[in-house]
Amino acid sequence: MKSLTVYTVYKKLKAFNKRKAAGLDKVPCKLLRISAEIVAPLLTQILNKTISTSIFPTDWKLARVTPIFKK
C-alpha cells in the first residue's frame, strides 16, 4: 500500500461532515475540520507508520453498533 500524503489527509479531514457525532474517541468531527491544518501532518505520520508496520492499535478495531428495528 502506498503511503499517505499530508495533503490527502488534510483534504479528508476538511471533508468531514461537521454535523456528525463523535466516535468512540469522543473527538467531534467539527474540531477535526477546524484543526485540519495542524492535525494533518501528525495524523499522516501515525497513519503511515501504521501502514508500514501493519500494526493497528486495538482502539481502532472497536466500533459501536446500534441495531435499528425495521418493520
N, C-alpha and C. Protein backbone atom coordinates (compact mmCIF):
# COMPACT_ATOMS: atom_id res chain seq x y z
N MET A 1 0.84 -1.18 0.00
CA MET A 1 0.00 0.00 0.00
C MET A 1 0.89 1.24 0.00
N LYS A 2 0.49 2.25 -0.77
CA LYS A 2 1.25 3.49 -0.83
C LYS A 2 1.08 4.28 0.46
N SER A 3 2.10 5.05 0.78
CA SER A 3 1.98 5.91 1.97
C SER A 3 1.11 7.12 1.63
N LEU A 4 0.53 7.68 2.65
CA LEU A 4 -0.36 8.83 2.50
C LEU A 4 0.44 10.12 2.49
N THR A 5 -0.13 11.14 1.88
CA THR A 5 0.49 12.47 1.91
C THR A 5 -0.27 13.35 2.89
N VAL A 6 0.39 14.37 3.36
CA VAL A 6 -0.26 15.33 4.27
C VAL A 6 -1.46 15.96 3.57
N TYR A 7 -1.30 16.26 2.29
CA TYR A 7 -2.38 16.89 1.53
C TYR A 7 -3.62 15.99 1.49
N THR A 8 -3.42 14.70 1.26
CA THR A 8 -4.54 13.75 1.20
C THR A 8 -5.27 13.70 2.54
N VAL A 9 -4.54 13.60 3.62
CA VAL A 9 -5.14 13.55 4.95
C VAL A 9 -5.85 14.87 5.25
N TYR A 10 -5.22 15.98 4.89
CA TYR A 10 -5.82 17.31 5.10
C TYR A 10 -7.17 17.41 4.37
N LYS A 11 -7.20 16.99 3.11
CA LYS A 11 -8.44 17.08 2.33
C LYS A 11 -9.53 16.19 2.93
N LYS A 12 -9.16 15.02 3.43
CA LYS A 12 -10.15 14.13 4.06
C LYS A 12 -10.70 14.74 5.34
N LEU A 13 -9.83 15.35 6.13
CA LEU A 13 -10.29 16.00 7.37
C LEU A 13 -11.23 17.16 7.05
N LYS A 14 -10.90 17.94 6.04
CA LYS A 14 -11.74 19.08 5.67
C LYS A 14 -13.09 18.64 5.11
N ALA A 15 -13.15 17.40 4.61
CA ALA A 15 -14.39 16.89 4.02
C ALA A 15 -15.34 16.29 5.06
N PHE A 16 -14.88 16.18 6.32
CA PHE A 16 -15.75 15.63 7.37
C PHE A 16 -17.01 16.47 7.50
N ASN A 17 -18.12 15.79 7.72
CA ASN A 17 -19.39 16.47 7.97
C ASN A 17 -19.38 16.96 9.42
N LYS A 18 -19.44 18.27 9.60
CA LYS A 18 -19.34 18.81 10.96
C LYS A 18 -20.56 18.51 11.82
N ARG A 19 -21.62 17.99 11.23
CA ARG A 19 -22.82 17.65 12.00
C ARG A 19 -22.82 16.20 12.49
N LYS A 20 -21.83 15.42 12.08
CA LYS A 20 -21.76 14.02 12.52
C LYS A 20 -21.34 13.95 13.99
N ALA A 21 -21.81 12.92 14.65
CA ALA A 21 -21.47 12.72 16.07
C ALA A 21 -20.04 12.23 16.21
N ALA A 22 -19.48 12.47 17.37
CA ALA A 22 -18.12 11.99 17.66
C ALA A 22 -18.12 10.47 17.73
N GLY A 23 -16.98 9.88 17.44
CA GLY A 23 -16.84 8.43 17.52
C GLY A 23 -16.50 8.00 18.93
N LEU A 24 -15.95 6.81 19.06
CA LEU A 24 -15.58 6.29 20.37
C LEU A 24 -14.49 7.13 21.03
N ASP A 25 -13.71 7.85 20.22
CA ASP A 25 -12.63 8.69 20.77
C ASP A 25 -13.16 10.01 21.34
N LYS A 26 -14.43 10.29 21.12
CA LYS A 26 -15.11 11.50 21.62
C LYS A 26 -14.57 12.80 21.00
N VAL A 27 -13.86 12.71 19.88
CA VAL A 27 -13.36 13.90 19.20
C VAL A 27 -14.41 14.30 18.15
N PRO A 28 -15.02 15.47 18.30
CA PRO A 28 -16.05 15.89 17.34
C PRO A 28 -15.47 16.14 15.95
N CYS A 29 -16.22 15.78 14.93
CA CYS A 29 -15.79 16.00 13.54
C CYS A 29 -15.54 17.48 13.27
N LYS A 30 -16.34 18.33 13.89
CA LYS A 30 -16.17 19.77 13.71
C LYS A 30 -14.78 20.21 14.17
N LEU A 31 -14.31 19.67 15.27
CA LEU A 31 -12.98 20.01 15.78
C LEU A 31 -11.89 19.54 14.82
N LEU A 32 -12.03 18.34 14.28
CA LEU A 32 -11.05 17.83 13.32
C LEU A 32 -11.02 18.69 12.06
N ARG A 33 -12.19 19.14 11.62
CA ARG A 33 -12.25 20.02 10.44
C ARG A 33 -11.54 21.34 10.70
N ILE A 34 -11.82 21.94 11.84
CA ILE A 34 -11.24 23.24 12.18
C ILE A 34 -9.73 23.15 12.33
N SER A 35 -9.25 22.06 12.92
CA SER A 35 -7.82 21.92 13.21
C SER A 35 -7.07 21.10 12.16
N ALA A 36 -7.67 20.89 11.01
CA ALA A 36 -7.08 20.02 9.97
C ALA A 36 -5.66 20.42 9.60
N GLU A 37 -5.38 21.70 9.49
CA GLU A 37 -4.05 22.17 9.09
C GLU A 37 -2.98 21.76 10.12
N ILE A 38 -3.35 21.75 11.38
CA ILE A 38 -2.41 21.39 12.45
C ILE A 38 -2.35 19.87 12.64
N VAL A 39 -3.49 19.22 12.57
CA VAL A 39 -3.58 17.78 12.84
C VAL A 39 -3.06 16.92 11.68
N ALA A 40 -3.25 17.37 10.45
CA ALA A 40 -2.92 16.56 9.27
C ALA A 40 -1.48 16.03 9.26
N PRO A 41 -0.45 16.86 9.50
CA PRO A 41 0.92 16.31 9.47
C PRO A 41 1.16 15.22 10.52
N LEU A 42 0.65 15.42 11.71
CA LEU A 42 0.83 14.42 12.78
C LEU A 42 0.05 13.15 12.49
N LEU A 43 -1.17 13.31 12.05
CA LEU A 43 -2.01 12.16 11.74
C LEU A 43 -1.43 11.38 10.56
N THR A 44 -0.86 12.08 9.60
CA THR A 44 -0.23 11.42 8.45
C THR A 44 0.92 10.54 8.90
N GLN A 45 1.74 11.04 9.82
CA GLN A 45 2.86 10.24 10.35
C GLN A 45 2.35 8.98 11.05
N ILE A 46 1.32 9.13 11.86
CA ILE A 46 0.75 7.99 12.59
C ILE A 46 0.18 6.96 11.61
N LEU A 47 -0.58 7.43 10.64
CA LEU A 47 -1.20 6.52 9.68
C LEU A 47 -0.15 5.81 8.82
N ASN A 48 0.87 6.54 8.37
CA ASN A 48 1.92 5.92 7.56
C ASN A 48 2.71 4.88 8.35
N LYS A 49 2.98 5.16 9.62
CA LYS A 49 3.67 4.19 10.47
C LYS A 49 2.82 2.94 10.65
N THR A 50 1.54 3.14 10.84
CA THR A 50 0.61 2.02 10.99
C THR A 50 0.57 1.18 9.72
N ILE A 51 0.53 1.84 8.58
CA ILE A 51 0.50 1.13 7.29
C ILE A 51 1.80 0.37 7.07
N SER A 52 2.94 1.00 7.34
CA SER A 52 4.23 0.37 7.06
C SER A 52 4.52 -0.82 7.99
N THR A 53 4.03 -0.76 9.22
CA THR A 53 4.29 -1.85 10.17
C THR A 53 3.17 -2.89 10.21
N SER A 54 2.03 -2.55 9.62
CA SER A 54 0.84 -3.41 9.63
C SER A 54 0.37 -3.72 11.05
N ILE A 55 0.64 -2.80 11.96
CA ILE A 55 0.18 -2.94 13.35
C ILE A 55 -0.83 -1.83 13.62
N PHE A 56 -2.07 -2.25 13.84
CA PHE A 56 -3.13 -1.28 14.08
C PHE A 56 -3.50 -1.27 15.55
N PRO A 57 -3.62 -0.09 16.16
CA PRO A 57 -3.99 -0.01 17.58
C PRO A 57 -5.33 -0.71 17.84
N THR A 58 -5.43 -1.35 18.96
CA THR A 58 -6.65 -2.08 19.33
C THR A 58 -7.87 -1.16 19.31
N ASP A 59 -7.71 0.07 19.76
CA ASP A 59 -8.84 1.00 19.80
C ASP A 59 -9.40 1.29 18.41
N TRP A 60 -8.58 1.17 17.38
CA TRP A 60 -9.03 1.42 16.01
C TRP A 60 -9.90 0.28 15.49
N LYS A 61 -9.89 -0.84 16.19
CA LYS A 61 -10.64 -2.01 15.76
C LYS A 61 -12.00 -2.10 16.44
N LEU A 62 -12.33 -1.14 17.28
CA LEU A 62 -13.59 -1.13 18.01
C LEU A 62 -14.64 -0.34 17.25
N ALA A 63 -15.89 -0.70 17.46
CA ALA A 63 -16.99 0.02 16.84
C ALA A 63 -18.21 -0.05 17.76
N ARG A 64 -19.04 0.94 17.67
CA ARG A 64 -20.30 0.95 18.40
C ARG A 64 -21.40 0.68 17.37
N VAL A 65 -22.10 -0.41 17.54
CA VAL A 65 -23.15 -0.79 16.60
C VAL A 65 -24.49 -0.65 17.29
N THR A 66 -25.40 0.07 16.65
CA THR A 66 -26.74 0.26 17.20
C THR A 66 -27.75 -0.36 16.24
N PRO A 67 -28.36 -1.47 16.61
CA PRO A 67 -29.36 -2.09 15.72
C PRO A 67 -30.61 -1.22 15.64
N ILE A 68 -31.17 -1.15 14.46
CA ILE A 68 -32.39 -0.37 14.24
C ILE A 68 -33.48 -1.33 13.77
N PHE A 69 -34.59 -1.33 14.50
CA PHE A 69 -35.71 -2.21 14.17
C PHE A 69 -36.38 -1.73 12.89
N LYS A 70 -36.64 -2.67 11.99
CA LYS A 70 -37.36 -2.36 10.75
C LYS A 70 -38.64 -3.19 10.72
N LYS A 71 -39.70 -2.60 10.25
CA LYS A 71 -40.98 -3.32 10.14
C LYS A 71 -41.01 -4.14 8.89
